[in-house]
């Protein structure tokens, strides 16, 4: 392992608020990541690819001499800034942001209940974090589904969605993509709450099944506000699939989700 690896990795991390934020976004253990920073341990091939994909670099570039790597990153940052200036996609969303109302009162953590698109008849409970970042409202949605009985880490399929939120004409629009695979997008439309206290929001979500046929689907969705500060570990343990009659799903959520059917190739709500 080149001694420059740790220093180059530190330089990349300096573009973020903290090492903890990088570890959280990469889902890599902080203690293990510290060993990478100190050049005491080399990432596995899987983790190295995740790190490179996250920072937008190649694995061979991470072991370049520090000064050469710094010049390379500086040139790349300048090039990216020039390329992004006037980019049509950015211009579209910038214009949309100008028409969006303030979503500050909706920032925080939510449980999202929906009829699972991949396993019909089951209720999927996800964890959503909506926040303001540099003047824009963005969110992260965490999902996991049990693949096999056993309880080990390998028995869960995890999904992580990243997206943007807009408040347009009394509706909250959220568009996201699955960041681990990059193979799907979804859109959610929520009816805002005009009460002084936010409890639950109703809406619809469209997307595709993760099955082989990638069936387009639409389902009702319920967001339950948890607060702006939560115990993430205990909360995340509840993220999974539930049977409709599971006592942990209360009657109010069950009724709000009732009447939704997912049919192959169709968007249908009864």
Protein backbone atom coordinates (compact mmCIF):
# COMPACT_ATOMS: atom_id res chain seq x y z
CA UNK A 1 0.00 0.00 0.00
CA UNK A 2 1.41 3.36 -1.04
CA UNK A 3 1.88 5.85 1.78
CA UNK A 4 0.16 8.41 -0.45
CA UNK A 5 -3.10 6.46 -0.44
CA UNK A 6 -4.18 7.71 2.99
CA UNK A 7 -3.18 11.30 2.26
CA UNK A 8 -5.01 11.26 -1.08
CA UNK A 9 -8.09 9.82 0.57
CA UNK A 10 -7.95 12.58 3.22
CA UNK A 11 -7.83 15.18 0.45
CA UNK A 12 -10.99 13.74 -1.10
CA UNK A 13 -12.71 13.68 2.30
CA UNK A 14 -11.85 17.34 2.86
CA UNK A 15 -14.55 18.24 0.32
CA UNK A 16 -17.16 16.97 2.82
CA UNK A 17 -18.20 18.29 6.21
CA UNK A 18 -16.63 15.43 8.17
CA UNK A 19 -15.13 11.95 7.96
CA UNK A 20 -18.26 10.70 9.72
CA UNK A 21 -20.42 12.00 6.88
CA UNK A 22 -18.27 10.19 4.31
CA UNK A 23 -18.43 6.95 6.29
CA UNK A 24 -22.18 7.30 6.63
CA UNK A 25 -22.67 7.89 2.91
CA UNK A 26 -20.36 4.99 2.03
CA UNK A 27 -21.80 2.74 4.77
CA UNK A 28 -18.25 1.83 5.82
CA UNK A 29 -17.27 1.33 9.45
CA UNK A 30 -15.51 4.43 10.83
CA UNK A 31 -12.75 2.48 12.56
CA UNK A 32 -12.01 0.57 9.36
CA UNK A 33 -12.05 3.78 7.31
CA UNK A 34 -9.57 5.37 9.75
CA UNK A 35 -7.16 2.54 8.95
CA UNK A 36 -7.51 3.39 5.27
CA UNK A 37 -6.74 7.04 6.04
CA UNK A 38 -3.63 6.01 7.97
CA UNK A 39 -2.54 3.66 5.12
CA UNK A 40 -2.58 0.83 7.65
CA UNK A 41 -5.05 -1.28 5.72
CA UNK A 42 -6.03 -1.66 2.08
CA UNK A 43 -9.76 -1.72 1.23
CA UNK A 44 -11.19 -4.89 -0.20
CA UNK A 45 -11.85 -4.81 -3.94
CA UNK A 46 -15.54 -4.23 -3.22
CA UNK A 47 -14.92 -1.32 -0.82
CA UNK A 48 -12.25 0.18 -3.07
CA UNK A 49 -14.70 0.27 -5.98
CA UNK A 50 -17.33 1.92 -3.77
CA UNK A 51 -14.83 4.55 -2.62
CA UNK A 52 -13.69 5.26 -6.17
CA UNK A 53 -17.24 5.44 -7.50
CA UNK A 54 -18.26 7.74 -4.65
CA UNK A 55 -15.42 10.23 -5.20
CA UNK A 56 -15.28 9.84 -8.98
CA UNK A 57 -11.67 8.66 -9.20
CA UNK A 58 -9.84 5.58 -10.49
CA UNK A 59 -8.13 3.13 -8.14
CA UNK A 60 -4.68 3.74 -9.67
CA UNK A 61 -5.09 7.49 -9.14
CA UNK A 62 -5.45 7.02 -5.38
CA UNK A 63 -1.86 5.79 -5.11
CA UNK A 64 -0.30 8.59 -7.17
CA UNK A 65 2.20 10.89 -5.40
CA UNK A 66 0.37 13.42 -3.27
CA UNK A 67 1.32 16.51 -5.26
CA UNK A 68 0.41 14.86 -8.56
CA UNK A 69 -2.93 13.68 -7.16
CA UNK A 70 -3.71 17.15 -5.77
CA UNK A 71 -3.06 18.71 -9.19
CA UNK A 72 -5.21 16.06 -10.84
CA UNK A 73 -8.14 16.64 -8.47
CA UNK A 74 -7.79 20.41 -8.80
CA UNK A 75 -7.89 20.18 -12.58
CA UNK A 76 -10.83 17.79 -12.43
CA UNK A 77 -12.77 20.08 -10.10
CA UNK A 78 -12.20 23.04 -12.42
CA UNK A 79 -13.22 20.97 -15.41
CA UNK A 80 -16.37 19.76 -13.67
CA UNK A 81 -17.29 23.30 -12.68
CA UNK A 82 -16.88 24.48 -16.26
CA UNK A 83 -18.88 21.54 -17.61
CA UNK A 84 -21.70 22.04 -15.12
CA UNK A 85 -22.08 25.72 -15.93
CA UNK A 86 -25.08 26.04 -18.15
CA UNK A 87 -25.81 22.29 -18.17
CA UNK A 88 -29.43 21.81 -19.36
CA UNK A 89 -30.36 19.42 -16.56
CA UNK A 90 -29.07 21.76 -13.85
CA UNK A 91 -30.80 24.71 -15.46
CA UNK A 92 -34.12 22.84 -15.47
CA UNK A 93 -33.96 22.05 -11.76
CA UNK A 94 -32.65 25.50 -10.89
CA UNK A 95 -35.71 27.01 -12.57
CA UNK A 96 -37.96 24.55 -10.73
CA UNK A 97 -36.35 25.46 -7.39
CA UNK A 98 -37.20 29.10 -7.95
CA UNK A 99 -40.91 28.20 -8.07
CA UNK A 100 -40.76 25.86 -5.07
CA UNK A 101 -42.14 26.99 -1.71
CA UNK A 102 -40.25 26.59 1.56
CA UNK A 103 -40.15 23.02 2.89
CA UNK A 104 -38.34 23.83 6.14
CA UNK A 105 -41.24 22.79 8.40
CA UNK A 106 -41.25 19.34 6.78
CA UNK A 107 -37.56 18.65 7.37
CA UNK A 108 -36.81 15.67 9.59
CA UNK A 109 -37.14 11.90 9.66
CA UNK A 110 -40.14 9.89 8.50
CA UNK A 111 -41.30 6.31 8.32
CA UNK A 112 -42.64 5.68 4.82
CA UNK A 113 -45.33 2.99 4.54
CA UNK A 114 -46.20 1.66 1.09
CA UNK A 115 -47.56 -1.42 -0.59
CA UNK A 116 -44.41 -3.23 -1.68
CA UNK A 117 -43.95 -3.16 -5.46
CA UNK A 118 -41.63 -6.20 -5.43
CA UNK A 119 -43.60 -8.40 -3.02
CA UNK A 120 -47.34 -7.78 -3.58
CA UNK A 121 -49.45 -8.15 -0.46
CA UNK A 122 -46.69 -6.94 1.87
CA UNK A 123 -46.22 -3.51 3.44
CA UNK A 124 -42.76 -1.97 3.04
CA UNK A 125 -41.55 0.30 5.85
CA UNK A 126 -38.72 2.64 4.79
CA UNK A 127 -36.80 5.40 6.59
CA UNK A 128 -36.68 8.86 4.96
CA UNK A 129 -34.58 11.87 5.95
CA UNK A 130 -35.65 15.17 4.38
CA UNK A 131 -33.23 18.06 4.93
CA UNK A 132 -32.12 21.42 3.57
CA UNK A 133 -28.69 21.54 1.97
CA UNK A 134 -27.16 24.72 0.52
CA UNK A 135 -30.55 26.22 -0.21
CA UNK A 136 -32.10 23.09 -1.73
CA UNK A 137 -34.26 20.38 -0.16
CA UNK A 138 -32.92 16.87 -0.58
CA UNK A 139 -33.75 13.53 0.97
CA UNK A 140 -32.42 10.03 1.50
CA UNK A 141 -34.63 6.94 1.68
CA UNK A 142 -33.38 3.66 3.14
CA UNK A 143 -35.06 0.33 2.36
CA UNK A 144 -34.22 -3.24 3.18
CA UNK A 145 -35.97 -6.51 2.46
CA UNK A 146 -35.21 -9.87 4.00
CA UNK A 147 -33.87 -12.26 1.40
CA UNK A 148 -33.68 -15.40 3.52
CA UNK A 149 -34.30 -16.44 7.07
CA UNK A 150 -31.31 -16.41 9.34
CA UNK A 151 -30.79 -12.85 10.52
CA UNK A 152 -27.29 -12.38 9.18
CA UNK A 153 -26.14 -9.31 7.28
CA UNK A 154 -26.12 -11.32 4.05
CA UNK A 155 -29.83 -12.07 4.46
CA UNK A 156 -30.91 -8.50 3.68
CA UNK A 157 -31.21 -6.68 0.38
CA UNK A 158 -30.59 -2.96 0.96
CA UNK A 159 -31.55 0.00 -1.21
CA UNK A 160 -30.55 3.64 -0.78
CA UNK A 161 -32.42 6.32 -2.68
CA UNK A 162 -31.23 9.93 -3.05
CA UNK A 163 -33.46 12.66 -4.36
CA UNK A 164 -34.75 16.22 -4.42
CA UNK A 165 -38.00 17.66 -3.05
CA UNK A 166 -40.12 20.53 -4.37
CA UNK A 167 -43.22 22.21 -2.94
CA UNK A 168 -45.31 23.33 -5.92
CA UNK A 169 -48.93 24.53 -5.83
CA UNK A 170 -49.94 22.81 -2.57
CA UNK A 171 -48.27 19.50 -3.43
CA UNK A 172 -44.90 18.08 -2.37
CA UNK A 173 -43.05 16.42 -5.28
CA UNK A 174 -40.14 14.09 -4.59
CA UNK A 175 -38.00 12.46 -7.28
CA UNK A 176 -35.18 10.05 -6.48
CA UNK A 177 -32.89 7.34 -7.84
CA UNK A 178 -31.41 4.17 -6.34
CA UNK A 179 -27.81 5.21 -5.64
CA UNK A 180 -26.25 1.78 -5.07
CA UNK A 181 -27.20 0.34 -8.46
CA UNK A 182 -28.30 3.38 -10.47
CA UNK A 183 -30.94 1.28 -12.24
CA UNK A 184 -34.22 2.87 -11.18
CA UNK A 185 -36.03 6.09 -10.31
CA UNK A 186 -39.27 6.79 -8.47
CA UNK A 187 -41.55 9.75 -7.91
CA UNK A 188 -43.69 10.49 -4.87
CA UNK A 189 -46.42 13.14 -4.59
CA UNK A 190 -47.59 14.04 -1.09
CA UNK A 191 -50.50 16.15 0.12
CA UNK A 192 -49.03 18.65 2.61
CA UNK A 193 -50.36 19.14 6.12
CA UNK A 194 -51.87 22.50 7.05
CA UNK A 195 -52.09 21.61 10.75
CA UNK A 196 -49.72 23.20 13.24
CA UNK A 197 -48.19 19.79 13.94
CA UNK A 198 -47.14 17.34 11.22
CA UNK A 199 -48.09 13.74 11.97
CA UNK A 200 -48.84 11.79 8.78
CA UNK A 201 -48.86 12.71 5.09
CA UNK A 202 -50.75 10.86 2.35
CA UNK A 203 -49.73 10.45 -1.27
CA UNK A 204 -48.88 8.25 -4.23
CA UNK A 205 -45.60 6.74 -5.39
CA UNK A 206 -44.71 5.42 -8.85
CA UNK A 207 -41.75 3.26 -9.71
CA UNK A 208 -40.84 -0.23 -10.87
CA UNK A 209 -40.70 -3.63 -9.25
CA UNK A 210 -37.20 -4.90 -8.54
CA UNK A 211 -38.20 -8.26 -10.02
CA UNK A 212 -36.94 -9.61 -13.33
CA UNK A 213 -39.76 -7.99 -15.31
CA UNK A 214 -39.28 -4.55 -13.70
CA UNK A 215 -43.01 -3.99 -13.76
CA UNK A 216 -44.16 -0.34 -13.62
CA UNK A 217 -46.30 0.15 -10.52
CA UNK A 218 -48.12 2.74 -8.44
CA UNK A 219 -49.05 2.57 -4.77
CA UNK A 220 -50.51 4.72 -2.06
CA UNK A 221 -47.95 5.89 0.46
CA UNK A 222 -48.03 7.24 4.02
CA UNK A 223 -45.26 9.28 5.64
CA UNK A 224 -45.18 9.31 9.44
CA UNK A 225 -43.15 12.13 11.01
CA UNK A 226 -40.62 10.91 13.61
CA UNK A 227 -38.90 14.17 14.51
CA UNK A 228 -35.71 16.01 13.63
CA UNK A 229 -33.48 13.90 15.89
CA UNK A 230 -33.86 10.14 16.23
CA UNK A 231 -31.98 7.06 17.35
CA UNK A 232 -30.98 5.90 13.88
CA UNK A 233 -29.89 2.41 14.95
CA UNK A 234 -33.12 1.53 16.75
CA UNK A 235 -35.22 3.17 14.04
CA UNK A 236 -33.42 1.40 11.21
CA UNK A 237 -34.09 -1.97 12.84
CA UNK A 238 -37.77 -1.44 12.07
CA UNK A 239 -37.11 -0.95 8.34
CA UNK A 240 -38.35 -4.12 6.63
CA UNK A 241 -41.36 -5.87 5.09
CA UNK A 242 -44.48 -6.46 7.18
CA UNK A 243 -47.56 -8.59 6.64
CA UNK A 244 -50.74 -6.47 6.33
CA UNK A 245 -52.12 -7.94 9.57
CA UNK A 246 -48.89 -7.45 11.54
CA UNK A 247 -49.83 -5.78 14.86
CA UNK A 248 -46.92 -3.37 14.45
CA UNK A 249 -48.83 -1.74 11.56
CA UNK A 250 -51.66 0.27 13.12
CA UNK A 251 -55.20 0.42 11.73
CA UNK A 252 -54.87 4.03 10.56
CA UNK A 253 -51.91 3.21 8.28
CA UNK A 254 -53.68 0.07 7.07
CA UNK A 255 -56.76 2.06 6.12
CA UNK A 256 -54.75 4.76 4.35
CA UNK A 257 -52.99 2.11 2.23
CA UNK A 258 -56.16 0.12 1.56
CA UNK A 259 -57.61 -0.02 -1.94
CA UNK A 260 -54.31 0.04 -3.80
CA UNK A 261 -53.54 -2.70 -6.27
CA UNK A 262 -50.32 -3.23 -8.16
CA UNK A 263 -50.88 -4.73 -11.61
CA UNK A 264 -48.32 -5.65 -14.21
CA UNK A 265 -47.72 -2.84 -16.66
CA UNK A 266 -50.51 -0.69 -15.20
CA UNK A 267 -50.93 2.11 -12.72
CA UNK A 268 -54.20 1.32 -10.96
CA UNK A 269 -55.66 2.67 -7.74
CA UNK A 270 -59.09 1.45 -6.67
